[in-house]
Amino acid sequence: MKRYIIQLGLTGLLLAGMFSCKKDISQTFKTDGTAPDVTLSPQTLELSESTASDTVETISWTRADFGYSAAVSYTVEIDLAGGGFAAPKSVNTGTVPQLKYLGSVLNELAIGLGIAAGETGDLDIRIKSLLSDSVFIYSEVSQLTVTPYQVAFPALLVLGGNSWQTPAVRTNGFVLTSPNYDDKYEGYINLPNADGWGGDALKLMVESSGVTYGWGGTANTMTAGASGNLWFTPAPNFMKVNADTKAGTVNFVPVTFTVTGDHNGWDTEATPMTYDPVTHRLIATGVNFTAGNAFVFTANGGYDLSYKVNGDGKLIYAGPPNWSGNNIPAPGTGTYTVILDLSAGDGSYTYSFE
C-alpha cells in the first residue's frame, strides 16, 4: 500500500475596488493505492538467433487499485540493474496489464542497456500505474536475468559522391555502427580525395530503412533525404566519423594511430601505423617486443583518443571522460606486425599480431 499526496493551491485574488481579499488556501487530498504484482515468465533466459522471431518473454501484472473505479494506464519501465531507473526504456501498454517481447526486440533492448552480447546480466523491471500526471504508483522492482546474442549492429553505409566509388552493400571500411542502438553511429573511413579538391563528397544511408542523409546546411549537420552531399575535408585522410541521426549532426576528424608502449619508452609518435587500402586495417611492422611489455593504441600524439582492453581482453575506448581500460599485453619476445582493425564500426574494433 502506498500513499500519494496531491496538493492544490488557490492563490488569493485581489479585486479592484474591493477592500477584502481571499487568503491562500492549501488543500491536501490523500488516496491509497495498491500497486500491481508483477510476474516474469521466464525469469531467466538465454537469447539466440533461432528464437529471434518468437515470443520469449511475457511481463504480466495484476491491476492497480486506487480505491475507486477509474481507467488506469500502465507503463513498463526497464533499466540495467542498479541504474535506479534514471533513464529507463519505457513501453506504454494502455490499460492492458501485459507486455510480450520477441527475442530480437529483447536482445536489442538488453544490449542497448549495457549487457554485452554473450554475457549474462540483470534488468530491473517495474510497472507504473497512472491515473493522471500527478496520481500514479509504482510496483516493486522485479529482475530479469538475460544473455543476449551477437548481431550485426545498426549501421550507416558510406555512399561515395562525385567520383568516389563505394560498395552498395554493407562492407568493412565503409560503415558506421550504433552498438547501443541509440541512433548514434561511429566508425573510421579513409577519404581518397577522389576528385582532387582536398575533400570528398558522400552520403550516409541507414542500412535497415534505406533513408539517406546528405548536406544539412553546414559541414557538421545532415538532413534525411537531402539532395546535396556531405563534404568531408581535408582529404586524403583516415577519418574518425561520428553521426547522430536523431540530432542530425555529423563530426569527423583526421587521425593517425601509433603503437605506444614499453617497447618505445611510451613515445606517442615513434611507432606510427599505416592504412592498408586493401584490408582497411592499420598496420605497424617490425615492432620489437620483450616478454612482459605492454602498449596502448594512441592517436594524434596523445591519449585523448586511445584504445586499451577491458578485463575480458576486448578492445575498448580508453580516453576521456572515463579513462578506462588496461594496457594491452604484448605477445612475447620477438618482432611483430601489430594490426588495428577499425573497419567494422564501433563495437567491433579488434587488434591482432602477426
Protein backbone atom coordinates (compact mmCIF):
# COMPACT_ATOMS: atom_id res chain seq x y z
CA MET A 1 0.00 0.00 0.00
CA LYS A 2 1.45 3.33 -0.98
CA ARG A 3 0.15 6.76 -0.17
CA TYR A 4 0.25 9.66 -2.59
CA ILE A 5 -0.49 13.28 -1.74
CA ILE A 6 -1.83 15.85 -4.11
CA GLN A 7 -1.63 19.47 -3.08
CA LEU A 8 -3.80 22.06 -4.71
CA GLY A 9 -3.30 25.74 -4.03
CA LEU A 10 -5.73 28.62 -4.52
CA THR A 11 -3.95 31.92 -4.96
CA GLY A 12 -5.66 34.86 -3.32
CA LEU A 13 -7.33 37.24 -5.72
CA LEU A 14 -7.15 40.99 -5.23
CA LEU A 15 -10.19 42.57 -6.79
CA ALA A 16 -10.04 46.20 -7.90
CA GLY A 17 -12.30 48.49 -5.92
CA MET A 18 -12.81 45.96 -3.09
CA PHE A 19 -11.37 46.15 0.40
CA SER A 20 -11.36 42.44 1.15
CA CYS A 21 -9.12 39.64 -0.17
CA LYS A 22 -9.01 35.87 -0.10
CA LYS A 23 -6.15 34.17 1.73
CA ASP A 24 -4.07 31.42 0.11
CA ILE A 25 -5.66 28.08 0.74
CA SER A 26 -3.77 24.78 0.75
CA GLN A 27 -5.87 21.64 0.47
CA THR A 28 -4.45 18.13 0.73
CA PHE A 29 -6.22 15.08 -0.64
CA LYS A 30 -4.93 11.58 0.15
CA THR A 31 -5.61 8.49 -1.87
CA ASP A 32 -4.48 4.93 -1.16
CA GLY A 33 -3.34 2.67 -3.97
CA THR A 34 -2.47 -0.98 -4.22
CA ALA A 35 0.41 -1.47 -6.65
CA PRO A 36 0.45 -4.33 -9.18
CA ASP A 37 2.16 -7.63 -8.52
CA VAL A 38 4.50 -8.41 -11.42
CA THR A 39 5.15 -11.82 -12.96
CA LEU A 40 8.04 -12.52 -15.34
CA SER A 41 7.79 -15.62 -17.50
CA PRO A 42 10.51 -16.78 -17.56
CA GLN A 43 12.77 -15.01 -15.05
CA THR A 44 15.97 -16.18 -16.73
CA LEU A 45 16.59 -16.71 -20.43
CA GLU A 46 19.40 -17.07 -22.94
CA LEU A 47 18.55 -15.42 -26.23
CA SER A 48 19.61 -16.73 -29.64
CA GLU A 49 19.03 -16.09 -33.32
CA SER A 50 16.88 -19.22 -33.52
CA THR A 51 14.25 -17.56 -31.29
CA ALA A 52 14.59 -14.04 -32.70
CA SER A 53 11.04 -14.12 -34.11
CA ASP A 54 9.48 -15.96 -31.17
CA THR A 55 7.80 -14.55 -28.07
CA VAL A 56 10.45 -15.24 -25.45
CA GLU A 57 9.33 -13.13 -22.51
CA THR A 58 5.94 -12.22 -21.04
CA ILE A 59 5.65 -9.49 -18.41
CA SER A 60 2.24 -9.53 -16.74
CA TRP A 61 0.80 -7.88 -13.67
CA THR A 62 -2.30 -7.54 -11.55
CA ARG A 63 -4.30 -4.38 -11.95
CA ALA A 64 -3.61 -1.46 -9.64
CA ASP A 65 -6.36 -0.46 -7.22
CA PHE A 66 -6.75 3.17 -6.20
CA GLY A 67 -9.87 2.52 -4.14
CA TYR A 68 -12.38 3.61 -6.74
CA SER A 69 -13.31 2.80 -10.30
CA ALA A 70 -11.06 4.54 -12.81
CA ALA A 71 -9.21 3.84 -16.03
CA VAL A 72 -5.59 3.08 -15.15
CA SER A 73 -2.83 3.37 -17.76
CA TYR A 74 0.27 1.18 -17.45
CA THR A 75 3.87 1.76 -18.46
CA VAL A 76 6.59 -0.86 -18.25
CA GLU A 77 9.96 0.62 -17.27
CA ILE A 78 13.15 -1.39 -17.81
CA ASP A 79 16.68 -0.42 -16.77
CA LEU A 80 20.03 -2.08 -16.25
CA ALA A 81 20.13 -3.49 -12.73
CA GLY A 82 21.28 -0.85 -10.30
CA GLY A 83 20.58 2.00 -12.71
CA GLY A 84 17.85 3.43 -10.49
CA PHE A 85 15.56 3.98 -13.50
CA ALA A 86 17.39 7.22 -14.22
CA ALA A 87 16.95 6.68 -17.98
CA PRO A 88 14.77 3.59 -18.43
CA LYS A 89 13.36 2.12 -21.61
CA SER A 90 9.60 2.65 -21.36
CA VAL A 91 6.68 0.96 -23.10
CA ASN A 92 3.11 2.15 -22.58
CA THR A 93 0.58 -0.69 -22.79
CA GLY A 94 -2.52 1.44 -22.28
CA THR A 95 -4.95 -0.40 -19.99
CA VAL A 96 -3.59 -3.85 -20.89
CA PRO A 97 -1.72 -5.50 -17.95
CA GLN A 98 0.72 -7.46 -20.09
CA LEU A 99 3.70 -6.98 -22.39
CA LYS A 100 5.30 -9.63 -24.61
CA TYR A 101 8.76 -9.44 -26.16
CA LEU A 102 10.09 -11.05 -29.30
CA GLY A 103 13.60 -12.42 -28.99
CA SER A 104 15.11 -9.91 -31.40
CA VAL A 105 13.49 -6.94 -29.65
CA LEU A 106 14.54 -8.03 -26.17
CA ASN A 107 18.05 -8.74 -27.44
CA GLU A 108 18.34 -5.22 -28.84
CA LEU A 109 16.98 -3.75 -25.62
CA ALA A 110 19.40 -5.71 -23.41
CA ILE A 111 22.44 -4.74 -25.48
CA GLY A 112 21.26 -1.13 -25.65
CA LEU A 113 21.03 -1.01 -21.86
CA GLY A 114 24.58 -2.26 -21.47
CA ILE A 115 24.61 -6.07 -21.35
CA ALA A 116 27.28 -7.23 -23.79
CA ALA A 117 26.47 -9.98 -26.26
CA GLY A 118 27.41 -13.36 -24.83
CA GLU A 119 27.43 -12.00 -21.27
CA THR A 120 24.74 -12.59 -18.64
CA GLY A 121 23.26 -9.57 -16.90
CA ASP A 122 20.22 -8.40 -15.00
CA LEU A 123 17.46 -5.99 -15.95
CA ASP A 124 15.29 -4.20 -13.39
CA ILE A 125 11.60 -4.04 -14.32
CA ARG A 126 8.76 -2.12 -12.70
CA ILE A 127 5.24 -1.09 -13.64
CA LYS A 128 3.98 2.48 -13.40
CA SER A 129 0.20 2.66 -12.88
CA LEU A 130 -1.09 6.07 -13.87
CA LEU A 131 -4.39 7.83 -13.22
CA SER A 132 -3.06 11.28 -14.16
CA ASP A 133 0.26 13.06 -14.41
CA SER A 134 0.20 13.60 -10.64
CA VAL A 135 -1.53 10.42 -9.48
CA PHE A 136 0.45 7.23 -10.02
CA ILE A 137 2.01 4.32 -8.20
CA TYR A 138 4.98 2.01 -8.90
CA SER A 139 5.19 -1.72 -8.42
CA GLU A 140 8.04 -3.38 -6.62
CA VAL A 141 11.08 -3.99 -8.84
CA SER A 142 11.36 -7.39 -10.48
CA GLN A 143 14.56 -8.69 -12.04
CA LEU A 144 15.06 -10.46 -15.34
CA THR A 145 18.33 -12.30 -16.00
CA VAL A 146 19.18 -12.36 -19.69
CA THR A 147 22.05 -13.34 -22.00
CA PRO A 148 21.88 -11.53 -25.36
CA TYR A 149 23.48 -12.78 -28.56
CA GLN A 150 25.74 -11.01 -31.03
CA VAL A 151 24.08 -9.40 -34.04
CA ALA A 152 25.24 -7.02 -36.72
CA PHE A 153 24.84 -3.61 -35.15
CA PRO A 154 22.60 -0.99 -36.80
CA ALA A 155 24.64 0.72 -39.48
CA LEU A 156 25.05 3.76 -41.68
CA LEU A 157 26.61 2.88 -45.03
CA VAL A 158 29.04 5.30 -46.64
CA LEU A 159 27.93 6.15 -50.18
CA GLY A 160 30.62 8.00 -52.08
CA GLY A 161 29.66 11.00 -54.19
CA ASN A 162 31.03 12.51 -57.40
CA SER A 163 33.99 10.34 -58.48
CA TRP A 164 34.27 8.38 -55.24
CA GLN A 165 33.01 4.84 -55.87
CA THR A 166 31.99 2.83 -52.78
CA PRO A 167 30.25 -0.54 -52.27
CA ALA A 168 26.46 -0.54 -52.49
CA VAL A 169 26.14 -3.06 -49.63
CA ARG A 170 27.50 -3.19 -46.08
CA THR A 171 31.26 -3.53 -46.35
CA ASN A 172 34.01 -3.13 -43.76
CA GLY A 173 35.80 0.15 -44.22
CA PHE A 174 32.65 1.93 -45.39
CA VAL A 175 30.37 1.61 -42.36
CA LEU A 176 29.44 3.42 -39.14
CA THR A 177 27.68 1.41 -36.43
CA SER A 178 25.50 2.02 -33.38
CA PRO A 179 26.31 -0.66 -30.76
CA ASN A 180 23.98 0.94 -28.22
CA TYR A 181 21.03 1.12 -30.66
CA ASP A 182 20.66 4.82 -29.81
CA ASP A 183 20.88 6.46 -33.27
CA LYS A 184 24.50 7.44 -32.56
CA TYR A 185 26.93 5.92 -35.04
CA GLU A 186 30.71 5.74 -35.16
CA GLY A 187 33.34 4.37 -37.49
CA TYR A 188 36.56 5.05 -39.35
CA ILE A 189 36.78 5.65 -43.09
CA ASN A 190 39.58 6.55 -45.48
CA LEU A 191 39.00 9.57 -47.70
CA PRO A 192 40.68 9.12 -51.10
CA ASN A 193 40.41 12.73 -52.37
CA ALA A 194 38.66 11.22 -55.38
CA ASP A 195 38.14 14.47 -57.26
CA GLY A 196 41.38 16.17 -56.23
CA TRP A 197 39.60 19.00 -54.45
CA GLY A 198 41.04 18.35 -50.98
CA GLY A 199 37.84 16.73 -49.71
CA ASP A 200 35.33 14.03 -50.55
CA ALA A 201 31.58 14.04 -51.14
CA LEU A 202 29.36 11.35 -49.63
CA LYS A 203 26.02 10.46 -48.13
CA LEU A 204 25.19 8.20 -45.20
CA MET A 205 22.44 5.61 -45.65
CA VAL A 206 20.57 3.81 -42.87
CA GLU A 207 21.05 0.15 -43.75
CA SER A 208 17.70 -1.02 -42.37
CA SER A 209 15.49 1.63 -44.00
CA GLY A 210 17.42 2.99 -46.97
CA VAL A 211 16.98 6.57 -45.72
CA THR A 212 19.95 8.68 -46.84
CA TYR A 213 21.43 11.68 -45.06
CA GLY A 214 23.06 14.49 -47.00
CA TRP A 215 24.03 18.13 -46.68
CA GLY A 216 22.26 19.78 -43.76
CA GLY A 217 23.37 23.37 -44.34
CA THR A 218 26.73 23.23 -42.55
CA ALA A 219 29.71 20.88 -42.56
CA ASN A 220 28.54 19.29 -39.30
CA THR A 221 24.81 18.90 -39.93
CA MET A 222 22.95 16.40 -42.06
CA THR A 223 19.37 16.06 -43.25
CA ALA A 224 17.39 12.98 -44.22
CA GLY A 225 16.53 12.97 -47.92
CA ALA A 226 18.77 15.94 -48.75
CA SER A 227 19.86 16.12 -52.39
CA GLY A 228 23.27 17.61 -51.61
CA ASN A 229 26.24 15.56 -50.46
CA LEU A 230 28.07 15.81 -47.18
CA TRP A 231 31.59 17.17 -47.61
CA PHE A 232 34.44 15.79 -45.50
CA THR A 233 37.78 17.60 -45.60
CA PRO A 234 40.80 17.56 -45.62
CA ALA A 235 41.49 14.64 -47.92
CA PRO A 236 43.20 12.30 -48.45
CA ASN A 237 42.93 11.28 -44.79
CA PHE A 238 41.96 8.49 -42.42
CA MET A 239 38.94 9.86 -40.53
CA LYS A 240 37.06 9.11 -37.33
CA VAL A 241 33.38 9.84 -38.02
CA ASN A 242 30.51 10.24 -35.55
CA ALA A 243 26.94 10.73 -36.78
CA ASP A 244 23.70 11.20 -34.84
CA THR A 245 20.61 10.65 -36.99
CA LYS A 246 18.27 11.87 -34.27
CA ALA A 247 20.13 15.15 -33.74
CA GLY A 248 21.07 15.49 -37.41
CA THR A 249 24.77 16.02 -36.67
CA VAL A 250 27.96 14.60 -38.15
CA ASN A 251 31.52 15.14 -36.93
CA PHE A 252 34.79 13.99 -38.46
CA VAL A 253 38.44 14.35 -37.57
CA PRO A 254 41.66 13.12 -39.25
CA VAL A 255 43.53 10.58 -37.11
CA THR A 256 46.96 8.96 -37.14
CA PHE A 257 47.42 5.99 -34.81
CA THR A 258 50.60 4.91 -33.04
CA VAL A 259 51.61 1.82 -31.06
CA THR A 260 52.73 3.39 -27.77
CA GLY A 261 54.30 1.25 -25.06
CA ASP A 262 57.25 -0.21 -23.22
CA HIS A 263 58.99 -1.07 -26.48
CA ASN A 264 59.50 2.62 -27.38
CA GLY A 265 59.56 4.30 -23.97
CA TRP A 266 55.86 5.21 -24.30
CA ASP A 267 56.60 7.61 -27.13
CA THR A 268 53.29 8.56 -28.80
CA GLU A 269 54.93 9.19 -32.19
CA ALA A 270 57.76 6.65 -32.51
CA THR A 271 55.79 3.68 -33.89
CA PRO A 272 53.20 5.03 -36.39
CA MET A 273 50.64 2.83 -38.10
CA THR A 274 49.79 2.99 -41.80
CA TYR A 275 46.47 2.37 -43.53
CA ASP A 276 46.16 -0.67 -45.78
CA PRO A 277 43.61 0.19 -48.51
CA VAL A 278 43.08 -3.49 -49.34
CA THR A 279 42.22 -4.79 -45.85
CA HIS A 280 41.11 -1.40 -44.44
CA ARG A 281 43.27 -2.07 -41.38
CA LEU A 282 46.04 -0.07 -39.68
CA ILE A 283 49.43 -1.79 -39.56
CA ALA A 284 52.75 -1.27 -37.80
CA THR A 285 55.57 -3.59 -38.93
CA GLY A 286 58.81 -4.52 -37.26
CA VAL A 287 57.66 -3.84 -33.70
CA ASN A 288 60.17 -5.33 -31.24
CA PHE A 289 58.56 -6.53 -28.01
CA THR A 290 60.07 -8.15 -24.95
CA ALA A 291 58.15 -10.53 -22.72
CA GLY A 292 56.14 -8.53 -20.19
CA ASN A 293 55.82 -5.44 -22.39
CA ALA A 294 52.52 -3.63 -22.71
CA PHE A 295 51.20 -0.94 -25.03
CA VAL A 296 48.27 1.28 -26.00
CA PHE A 297 46.91 2.43 -29.34
CA THR A 298 47.12 6.23 -29.24
CA ALA A 299 46.11 8.82 -31.82
CA ASN A 300 47.31 12.25 -32.92
CA GLY A 301 50.21 12.28 -30.46
CA GLY A 302 48.17 11.86 -27.27
CA TYR A 303 45.79 9.76 -25.23
CA ASP A 304 42.52 11.66 -25.72
CA LEU A 305 41.71 9.20 -28.50
CA SER A 306 43.18 5.86 -27.43
CA TYR A 307 42.27 2.19 -27.12
CA LYS A 308 43.10 -0.32 -24.41
CA VAL A 309 41.44 -3.60 -23.36
CA ASN A 310 38.84 -4.46 -20.74
CA GLY A 311 39.03 -7.34 -18.27
CA ASP A 312 37.97 -9.76 -21.00
CA GLY A 313 40.69 -8.61 -23.38
CA LYS A 314 38.27 -6.77 -25.66
CA LEU A 315 39.46 -3.54 -27.26
CA ILE A 316 37.69 -0.51 -25.75
CA TYR A 317 37.87 3.28 -25.95
CA ALA A 318 40.23 4.49 -23.20
CA GLY A 319 40.04 8.28 -23.44
CA PRO A 320 38.05 10.90 -21.53
CA PRO A 321 35.88 11.25 -19.59
CA ASN A 322 36.32 7.81 -18.00
CA TRP A 323 39.94 6.98 -18.93
CA SER A 324 39.12 3.31 -18.62
CA GLY A 325 40.81 0.08 -19.68
CA ASN A 326 44.06 -1.82 -19.15
CA ASN A 327 47.28 -1.66 -21.14
CA ILE A 328 47.44 -4.30 -23.87
CA PRO A 329 49.92 -7.12 -23.15
CA ALA A 330 52.50 -7.86 -25.83
CA PRO A 331 52.52 -11.45 -27.14
CA GLY A 332 56.10 -12.13 -26.00
CA THR A 333 59.68 -11.52 -27.04
CA GLY A 334 60.09 -11.06 -30.78
CA THR A 335 59.46 -8.84 -33.79
CA TYR A 336 55.81 -8.47 -34.74
CA THR A 337 53.38 -6.80 -37.10
CA VAL A 338 50.72 -5.09 -34.98
CA ILE A 339 47.29 -4.74 -36.58
CA LEU A 340 44.45 -2.43 -35.51
CA ASP A 341 41.18 -3.20 -37.28
CA LEU A 342 38.58 -0.41 -37.01
CA SER A 343 36.87 -1.28 -40.29
CA ALA A 344 33.70 -2.93 -38.94
CA GLY A 345 32.47 0.06 -36.95
CA ASP A 346 32.06 0.88 -33.27
CA GLY A 347 31.58 -2.14 -31.01
CA SER A 348 33.60 -4.37 -33.34
CA TYR A 349 37.09 -2.89 -33.12
CA THR A 350 39.84 -5.54 -32.82
CA TYR A 351 43.61 -5.93 -32.78
CA SER A 352 45.98 -8.79 -33.62
CA PHE A 353 49.61 -9.74 -34.13
CA GLU A 354 51.46 -11.44 -36.96
